[in-house]
Structure formats: C-alpha cells, structure tokens
C-alpha cells in the first residue's frame, strides 16, 4: 500500500471515529440528563454544541478527502499531502471534539461537587435500640 493510500485511510478512520464518538457522547448525555438536575447546564450545552460542530467538521473533512481523491485520479498526478481545506476541517473537528470533551468533564465535575456539597451525611446504619434489662427478672 502506498503512502498516499495509507494517509487517506488513516485520515478517514480518524474522522469517522470522532464522528461516532461525538454522536455517542451526545446521545449518552441526553439519555441521562434527567439524572443531572443542575441549575446551570451551560457547560453541558456547550459540549453538545461543540460535539455537533465536530460532527459537521468531520463530514466536511470526509468530503474534502473525497475531493482530493478525485483530483488524484487524473493521470500523472501524485500525492503531495493534504489540501489546506482538508487540514482546516480535520483540525477544526479535532479541536471541537477535545473542547466538547473538556466542557462535558467540567460539567460533570461541577455537578458532582454541587451534588456532594448539597447531600446530607447519611449514617452507615440506623441506631438500634439497646435491650432493656428488667430488674428482678431472670430469663
């Protein structure tokens, strides 16, 4: 397999994996949103927007890869690297995915700290009554 073919396969795989992960993280966080009763879901919404941006940039990156392959199909053309359009869209996909993940982690961290601070300390076990001793009674 030539270097150009291998580079295209890796670029396609990375873009496809990030699209899949972004979609899964959006779906997972939407599924469990009822468990995250938070007054400030700004970090969560930001992560959703960044994951959606990652999906859009990923699709655009795949489209630019397809366009690059089409131009390489011409006779006497060689692979000289990815076009700037592919680099920009793939880079934007990676950056938006990383930032979306950071926002999701911050939301989870802040939600966990608020939940921990607002919870009342629970006892390990309830107090059990002590046996009553009756004087003069033998048992």
N, C-alpha and C. Protein backbone atom coordinates (compact mmCIF):
# COMPACT_ATOMS: atom_id res chain seq x y z
N UNK A 1 0.85 -1.17 0.00
CA UNK A 1 0.00 0.00 0.00
C UNK A 1 0.90 1.24 0.00
N UNK A 2 0.60 2.17 -0.86
CA UNK A 2 1.40 3.38 -0.99
C UNK A 2 1.12 4.33 0.17
N UNK A 3 2.06 5.26 0.36
CA UNK A 3 1.94 6.23 1.45
C UNK A 3 0.65 7.04 1.33
N UNK A 4 0.33 7.47 0.13
CA UNK A 4 -0.88 8.26 -0.09
C UNK A 4 -2.14 7.52 0.30
N UNK A 5 -2.22 6.25 -0.07
CA UNK A 5 -3.40 5.44 0.28
C UNK A 5 -3.50 5.26 1.80
N UNK A 6 -2.37 5.01 2.42
CA UNK A 6 -2.35 4.83 3.87
C UNK A 6 -2.74 6.12 4.59
N UNK A 7 -2.25 7.25 4.12
CA UNK A 7 -2.60 8.54 4.72
C UNK A 7 -4.09 8.81 4.61
N UNK A 8 -4.68 8.49 3.47
CA UNK A 8 -6.12 8.69 3.29
C UNK A 8 -6.91 7.76 4.19
N UNK A 9 -6.47 6.53 4.33
CA UNK A 9 -7.18 5.59 5.21
C UNK A 9 -7.15 6.06 6.65
N UNK A 10 -5.99 6.52 7.12
CA UNK A 10 -5.89 7.00 8.50
C UNK A 10 -6.75 8.24 8.72
N UNK A 11 -6.70 9.18 7.77
CA UNK A 11 -7.48 10.41 7.90
C UNK A 11 -8.98 10.08 7.92
N UNK A 12 -9.39 9.18 7.06
CA UNK A 12 -10.80 8.77 7.02
C UNK A 12 -11.21 8.10 8.32
N UNK A 13 -10.38 7.22 8.83
CA UNK A 13 -10.69 6.50 10.07
C UNK A 13 -10.78 7.43 11.27
N UNK A 14 -9.83 8.37 11.37
CA UNK A 14 -9.86 9.31 12.49
C UNK A 14 -11.13 10.15 12.44
N UNK A 15 -11.45 10.65 11.28
CA UNK A 15 -12.65 11.48 11.13
C UNK A 15 -13.91 10.68 11.44
N UNK A 16 -13.98 9.46 10.96
CA UNK A 16 -15.15 8.62 11.22
C UNK A 16 -15.27 8.27 12.70
N UNK A 17 -14.16 7.97 13.34
CA UNK A 17 -14.20 7.64 14.77
C UNK A 17 -14.64 8.83 15.61
N UNK A 18 -14.16 10.02 15.28
CA UNK A 18 -14.57 11.20 16.04
C UNK A 18 -16.04 11.54 15.81
N UNK A 19 -16.55 11.31 14.62
CA UNK A 19 -17.98 11.50 14.36
C UNK A 19 -18.78 10.52 15.23
N UNK A 20 -18.35 9.27 15.27
CA UNK A 20 -19.04 8.26 16.06
C UNK A 20 -19.00 8.58 17.55
N UNK A 21 -17.83 8.95 18.06
CA UNK A 21 -17.70 9.28 19.48
C UNK A 21 -18.53 10.51 19.85
N UNK A 22 -18.53 11.53 19.00
CA UNK A 22 -19.32 12.73 19.27
C UNK A 22 -20.81 12.39 19.33
N UNK A 23 -21.27 11.60 18.38
CA UNK A 23 -22.68 11.21 18.37
C UNK A 23 -23.03 10.40 19.61
N UNK A 24 -22.15 9.49 19.99
CA UNK A 24 -22.41 8.65 21.17
C UNK A 24 -22.43 9.48 22.45
N UNK A 25 -21.51 10.43 22.58
CA UNK A 25 -21.48 11.25 23.79
C UNK A 25 -22.69 12.18 23.89
N UNK A 26 -23.15 12.69 22.75
CA UNK A 26 -24.39 13.48 22.77
C UNK A 26 -25.55 12.59 23.20
N UNK A 27 -25.67 11.43 22.59
CA UNK A 27 -26.77 10.51 22.93
C UNK A 27 -26.73 10.07 24.37
N UNK A 28 -25.56 9.79 24.88
CA UNK A 28 -25.42 9.34 26.27
C UNK A 28 -25.78 10.45 27.25
N UNK A 29 -25.30 11.66 26.98
CA UNK A 29 -25.61 12.75 27.91
C UNK A 29 -27.08 13.15 27.83
N UNK A 30 -27.70 13.05 26.66
CA UNK A 30 -29.13 13.35 26.56
C UNK A 30 -29.94 12.28 27.27
N UNK A 31 -29.50 11.04 27.18
CA UNK A 31 -30.22 9.94 27.83
C UNK A 31 -30.25 10.11 29.34
N UNK A 32 -29.14 10.54 29.92
CA UNK A 32 -29.04 10.64 31.37
C UNK A 32 -29.20 12.06 31.89
N UNK A 33 -29.76 12.97 31.09
CA UNK A 33 -29.91 14.35 31.53
C UNK A 33 -30.85 14.44 32.73
N UNK A 34 -31.81 13.54 32.83
CA UNK A 34 -32.74 13.59 33.97
C UNK A 34 -32.03 13.31 35.29
N UNK A 35 -30.91 12.62 35.24
CA UNK A 35 -30.14 12.35 36.45
C UNK A 35 -29.25 13.53 36.85
N UNK A 36 -29.04 14.47 35.92
CA UNK A 36 -28.20 15.63 36.19
C UNK A 36 -29.07 16.86 36.42
N UNK A 37 -29.79 16.88 37.49
CA UNK A 37 -30.66 18.01 37.80
C UNK A 37 -29.80 19.17 38.25
N UNK A 38 -29.40 19.99 37.30
CA UNK A 38 -28.48 21.10 37.58
C UNK A 38 -29.15 22.42 37.25
N UNK A 39 -28.81 23.45 38.02
CA UNK A 39 -29.35 24.77 37.77
C UNK A 39 -28.60 25.48 36.64
N UNK A 40 -27.39 25.04 36.37
CA UNK A 40 -26.57 25.70 35.34
C UNK A 40 -26.03 24.67 34.35
N UNK A 41 -26.85 24.33 33.35
CA UNK A 41 -26.39 23.35 32.36
C UNK A 41 -25.58 23.96 31.22
N UNK A 42 -24.98 25.12 31.44
CA UNK A 42 -24.24 25.80 30.39
C UNK A 42 -23.08 24.99 29.83
N UNK A 43 -22.34 24.34 30.71
CA UNK A 43 -21.21 23.52 30.26
C UNK A 43 -21.70 22.34 29.42
N UNK A 44 -22.83 21.77 29.81
CA UNK A 44 -23.38 20.64 29.06
C UNK A 44 -23.85 21.09 27.68
N UNK A 45 -24.53 22.23 27.63
CA UNK A 45 -24.98 22.75 26.33
C UNK A 45 -23.79 23.10 25.44
N UNK A 46 -22.76 23.66 26.04
CA UNK A 46 -21.55 23.99 25.27
C UNK A 46 -20.92 22.72 24.70
N UNK A 47 -20.91 21.65 25.49
CA UNK A 47 -20.33 20.39 24.99
C UNK A 47 -21.17 19.85 23.84
N UNK A 48 -22.50 19.96 23.95
CA UNK A 48 -23.35 19.50 22.84
C UNK A 48 -23.07 20.29 21.57
N UNK A 49 -22.97 21.60 21.69
CA UNK A 49 -22.69 22.43 20.50
C UNK A 49 -21.33 22.10 19.90
N UNK A 50 -20.35 21.88 20.74
CA UNK A 50 -19.02 21.54 20.23
C UNK A 50 -18.99 20.15 19.60
N UNK A 51 -19.74 19.21 20.17
CA UNK A 51 -19.82 17.88 19.55
C UNK A 51 -20.55 17.95 18.21
N UNK A 52 -21.59 18.76 18.13
CA UNK A 52 -22.28 18.92 16.84
C UNK A 52 -21.34 19.56 15.83
N UNK A 53 -20.57 20.55 16.27
CA UNK A 53 -19.58 21.17 15.38
C UNK A 53 -18.55 20.13 14.94
N UNK A 54 -18.14 19.26 15.83
CA UNK A 54 -17.18 18.21 15.48
C UNK A 54 -17.76 17.28 14.42
N UNK A 55 -19.04 16.95 14.55
CA UNK A 55 -19.68 16.09 13.55
C UNK A 55 -19.73 16.80 12.20
N UNK A 56 -20.10 18.07 12.19
CA UNK A 56 -20.18 18.83 10.93
C UNK A 56 -18.80 18.95 10.30
N UNK A 57 -17.79 19.31 11.09
CA UNK A 57 -16.43 19.41 10.54
C UNK A 57 -15.92 18.05 10.07
N UNK A 58 -16.33 16.98 10.73
CA UNK A 58 -15.92 15.65 10.30
C UNK A 58 -16.50 15.28 8.95
N UNK A 59 -17.77 15.60 8.75
CA UNK A 59 -18.40 15.34 7.46
C UNK A 59 -17.72 16.18 6.37
N UNK A 60 -17.44 17.44 6.70
CA UNK A 60 -16.73 18.29 5.73
C UNK A 60 -15.34 17.75 5.43
N UNK A 61 -14.65 17.24 6.43
CA UNK A 61 -13.32 16.66 6.21
C UNK A 61 -13.41 15.44 5.29
N UNK A 62 -14.43 14.62 5.50
CA UNK A 62 -14.60 13.46 4.62
C UNK A 62 -14.90 13.91 3.19
N UNK A 63 -15.68 14.97 3.05
CA UNK A 63 -15.98 15.49 1.71
C UNK A 63 -14.73 16.05 1.04
N UNK A 64 -13.88 16.75 1.80
CA UNK A 64 -12.65 17.27 1.20
C UNK A 64 -11.68 16.14 0.85
N UNK A 65 -11.70 15.08 1.64
CA UNK A 65 -10.89 13.90 1.28
C UNK A 65 -11.36 13.30 -0.04
N UNK A 66 -12.67 13.25 -0.21
CA UNK A 66 -13.22 12.72 -1.45
C UNK A 66 -12.82 13.60 -2.63
N UNK A 67 -12.88 14.92 -2.43
CA UNK A 67 -12.45 15.83 -3.49
C UNK A 67 -10.98 15.69 -3.83
N UNK A 68 -10.16 15.46 -2.83
CA UNK A 68 -8.73 15.27 -3.05
C UNK A 68 -8.48 13.98 -3.83
N UNK A 69 -9.20 12.95 -3.49
CA UNK A 69 -9.05 11.69 -4.22
C UNK A 69 -9.46 11.83 -5.68
N UNK A 70 -10.48 12.63 -5.91
CA UNK A 70 -10.94 12.83 -7.27
C UNK A 70 -9.88 13.52 -8.12
N UNK A 71 -9.20 14.50 -7.54
CA UNK A 71 -8.14 15.18 -8.30
C UNK A 71 -6.92 14.28 -8.50
N UNK A 72 -6.70 13.35 -7.58
CA UNK A 72 -5.56 12.44 -7.73
C UNK A 72 -5.84 11.35 -8.75
N UNK A 73 -7.08 11.20 -9.16
CA UNK A 73 -7.42 10.19 -10.16
C UNK A 73 -6.96 10.60 -11.55
N UNK A 74 -6.62 11.86 -11.71
CA UNK A 74 -6.15 12.34 -13.01
C UNK A 74 -4.81 11.68 -13.34
N UNK A 75 -4.53 11.44 -14.61
CA UNK A 75 -3.25 10.82 -14.97
C UNK A 75 -2.06 11.72 -14.60
N UNK A 76 -0.97 11.11 -14.21
CA UNK A 76 0.29 11.77 -13.86
C UNK A 76 0.16 12.71 -12.66
N UNK A 77 -0.73 12.40 -11.73
CA UNK A 77 -0.83 13.20 -10.50
C UNK A 77 -0.35 12.33 -9.34
N UNK A 78 0.38 12.95 -8.44
CA UNK A 78 0.93 12.23 -7.29
C UNK A 78 0.44 12.90 -6.01
N UNK A 79 0.46 12.13 -4.95
CA UNK A 79 0.02 12.65 -3.64
C UNK A 79 1.13 13.50 -3.05
N UNK A 80 0.83 14.77 -2.86
CA UNK A 80 1.82 15.68 -2.30
C UNK A 80 1.42 16.19 -0.93
N UNK A 81 0.49 15.53 -0.30
CA UNK A 81 -0.01 15.96 1.01
C UNK A 81 -1.46 16.38 0.90
N UNK A 82 -2.05 16.63 2.03
CA UNK A 82 -3.46 17.01 2.05
C UNK A 82 -3.60 18.49 1.72
N UNK A 83 -4.71 18.82 1.07
CA UNK A 83 -5.01 20.22 0.75
C UNK A 83 -5.30 20.99 2.03
N UNK A 84 -5.13 22.31 1.99
CA UNK A 84 -5.44 23.12 3.19
C UNK A 84 -6.89 22.97 3.65
N UNK A 85 -7.81 22.79 2.72
CA UNK A 85 -9.21 22.61 3.13
C UNK A 85 -9.39 21.36 3.98
N UNK A 86 -8.67 20.30 3.66
CA UNK A 86 -8.76 19.08 4.45
C UNK A 86 -8.10 19.28 5.81
N UNK A 87 -6.97 19.94 5.82
CA UNK A 87 -6.28 20.19 7.09
C UNK A 87 -7.11 21.06 8.03
N UNK A 88 -7.73 22.09 7.47
CA UNK A 88 -8.52 23.01 8.30
C UNK A 88 -9.74 22.31 8.88
N UNK A 89 -10.47 21.58 8.04
CA UNK A 89 -11.69 20.93 8.53
C UNK A 89 -11.35 19.80 9.52
N UNK A 90 -10.31 19.03 9.23
CA UNK A 90 -9.92 17.96 10.15
C UNK A 90 -9.41 18.53 11.46
N UNK A 91 -8.63 19.60 11.39
CA UNK A 91 -8.15 20.25 12.60
C UNK A 91 -9.29 20.83 13.43
N UNK A 92 -10.25 21.46 12.75
CA UNK A 92 -11.41 22.01 13.45
C UNK A 92 -12.23 20.90 14.11
N UNK A 93 -12.31 19.75 13.44
CA UNK A 93 -13.04 18.62 14.03
C UNK A 93 -12.35 18.15 15.31
N UNK A 94 -11.06 18.01 15.26
CA UNK A 94 -10.32 17.54 16.44
C UNK A 94 -10.40 18.54 17.58
N UNK A 95 -10.21 19.82 17.27
CA UNK A 95 -10.26 20.85 18.31
C UNK A 95 -11.65 20.92 18.94
N UNK A 96 -12.70 20.90 18.13
CA UNK A 96 -14.06 20.98 18.69
C UNK A 96 -14.39 19.73 19.50
N UNK A 97 -13.89 18.57 19.10
CA UNK A 97 -14.13 17.36 19.89
C UNK A 97 -13.43 17.45 21.24
N UNK A 98 -12.19 17.89 21.25
CA UNK A 98 -11.44 18.00 22.51
C UNK A 98 -12.10 19.03 23.43
N UNK A 99 -12.47 20.18 22.89
CA UNK A 99 -13.13 21.21 23.71
C UNK A 99 -14.49 20.74 24.22
N UNK A 100 -15.23 20.00 23.39
CA UNK A 100 -16.50 19.45 23.84
C UNK A 100 -16.31 18.46 24.98
N UNK A 101 -15.27 17.66 24.90
CA UNK A 101 -14.98 16.71 25.96
C UNK A 101 -14.58 17.43 27.24
N UNK A 102 -13.80 18.50 27.11
CA UNK A 102 -13.41 19.29 28.28
C UNK A 102 -14.66 19.89 28.93
N UNK A 103 -15.57 20.45 28.13
CA UNK A 103 -16.81 21.03 28.67
C UNK A 103 -17.65 19.97 29.38
N UNK A 104 -17.73 18.77 28.81
CA UNK A 104 -18.50 17.70 29.44
C UNK A 104 -17.87 17.28 30.77
N UNK A 105 -16.57 17.22 30.82
CA UNK A 105 -15.87 16.87 32.06
C UNK A 105 -16.07 17.96 33.11
N UNK A 106 -15.98 19.23 32.69
CA UNK A 106 -16.20 20.33 33.64
C UNK A 106 -17.63 20.28 34.18
N UNK A 107 -18.61 20.03 33.31
CA UNK A 107 -19.99 19.93 33.77
C UNK A 107 -20.13 18.79 34.78
N UNK A 108 -19.59 17.64 34.46
CA UNK A 108 -19.67 16.50 35.38
C UNK A 108 -18.97 16.78 36.69
N UNK A 109 -17.84 17.43 36.65
CA UNK A 109 -17.08 17.75 37.86
C UNK A 109 -17.86 18.73 38.73
N UNK A 110 -18.36 19.81 38.11
CA UNK A 110 -19.10 20.81 38.88
C UNK A 110 -20.41 20.24 39.41
N UNK A 111 -21.07 19.43 38.62
CA UNK A 111 -22.32 18.81 39.07
C UNK A 111 -22.04 17.85 40.22
N UNK A 112 -20.96 17.10 40.11
CA UNK A 112 -20.60 16.17 41.18
C UNK A 112 -20.25 16.89 42.47
N UNK A 113 -19.52 18.01 42.36
CA UNK A 113 -19.17 18.77 43.56
C UNK A 113 -20.40 19.40 44.20
N UNK A 114 -21.31 19.94 43.37
CA UNK A 114 -22.54 20.52 43.92
C UNK A 114 -23.39 19.46 44.59
N UNK A 115 -23.47 18.32 43.94
CA UNK A 115 -24.28 17.23 44.49
C UNK A 115 -23.69 16.73 45.80
N UNK A 116 -22.36 16.63 45.85
CA UNK A 116 -21.70 16.17 47.06
C UNK A 116 -21.86 17.18 48.19
N UNK A 117 -21.77 18.47 47.87
CA UNK A 117 -21.88 19.51 48.90
C UNK A 117 -23.31 19.63 49.42
N UNK A 118 -24.30 19.37 48.56
CA UNK A 118 -25.69 19.54 48.99
C UNK A 118 -26.27 18.30 49.65
N UNK A 119 -25.60 17.19 49.54
CA UNK A 119 -26.15 15.98 50.14
C UNK A 119 -25.91 16.00 51.65
N UNK A 120 -26.87 15.46 52.35
CA UNK A 120 -26.71 15.38 53.80
C UNK A 120 -25.95 14.12 54.14
N UNK A 121 -25.14 14.19 55.16
CA UNK A 121 -24.38 12.98 55.50
C UNK A 121 -25.34 11.88 55.95
N UNK A 122 -25.15 10.74 55.39
CA UNK A 122 -26.01 9.62 55.76
C UNK A 122 -25.28 8.73 56.75
N UNK A 123 -26.05 8.10 57.60
CA UNK A 123 -25.44 7.19 58.56
C UNK A 123 -25.23 5.84 57.91
N UNK A 124 -24.26 5.18 58.39
CA UNK A 124 -23.97 3.86 57.85
C UNK A 124 -25.10 2.90 58.18
N UNK A 125 -25.66 3.05 59.39
CA UNK A 125 -26.78 2.21 59.80
C UNK A 125 -27.59 2.98 60.83
N UNK A 126 -28.85 2.74 60.89
CA UNK A 126 -29.65 3.47 61.89
C UNK A 126 -29.33 2.98 63.29
N UNK A 127 -29.60 3.87 64.25
CA UNK A 127 -29.38 3.48 65.65
C UNK A 127 -30.34 2.35 66.00
N UNK A 128 -29.80 1.34 66.60
CA UNK A 128 -30.66 0.23 67.03
C UNK A 128 -30.91 0.37 68.53
N UNK A 129 -32.11 0.09 68.96
CA UNK A 129 -32.38 0.22 70.40
C UNK A 129 -31.60 -0.83 71.18
N UNK A 130 -31.18 -0.41 72.35
CA UNK A 130 -30.47 -1.35 73.23
C UNK A 130 -31.49 -2.22 73.95
N UNK A 131 -31.12 -3.41 74.26
CA UNK A 131 -32.05 -4.26 75.01
C UNK A 131 -32.30 -3.68 76.40
N UNK A 132 -33.51 -3.80 76.81
CA UNK A 132 -33.90 -3.28 78.13
C UNK A 132 -33.71 -4.38 79.15
N UNK A 133 -33.03 -4.05 80.26
CA UNK A 133 -32.85 -5.02 81.34
C UNK A 133 -33.88 -4.76 82.40
N UNK A 134 -34.58 -5.75 82.75
CA UNK A 134 -35.57 -5.64 83.80
C UNK A 134 -35.01 -6.21 85.08
N UNK A 135 -35.07 -5.42 86.13
CA UNK A 135 -34.56 -5.85 87.42
C UNK A 135 -35.47 -6.93 88.03
N UNK A 136 -34.89 -7.90 88.58
CA UNK A 136 -35.62 -8.96 89.26
C UNK A 136 -36.15 -10.02 88.33
N UNK A 137 -35.96 -9.88 87.14
CA UNK A 137 -36.42 -10.87 86.20
C UNK A 137 -35.26 -11.68 85.70
N UNK A 138 -35.43 -12.92 85.70
CA UNK A 138 -34.39 -13.80 85.14
C UNK A 138 -34.95 -14.47 83.91
N UNK A 139 -34.16 -14.59 82.93
CA UNK A 139 -34.73 -15.16 81.75
C UNK A 139 -33.95 -16.17 81.12
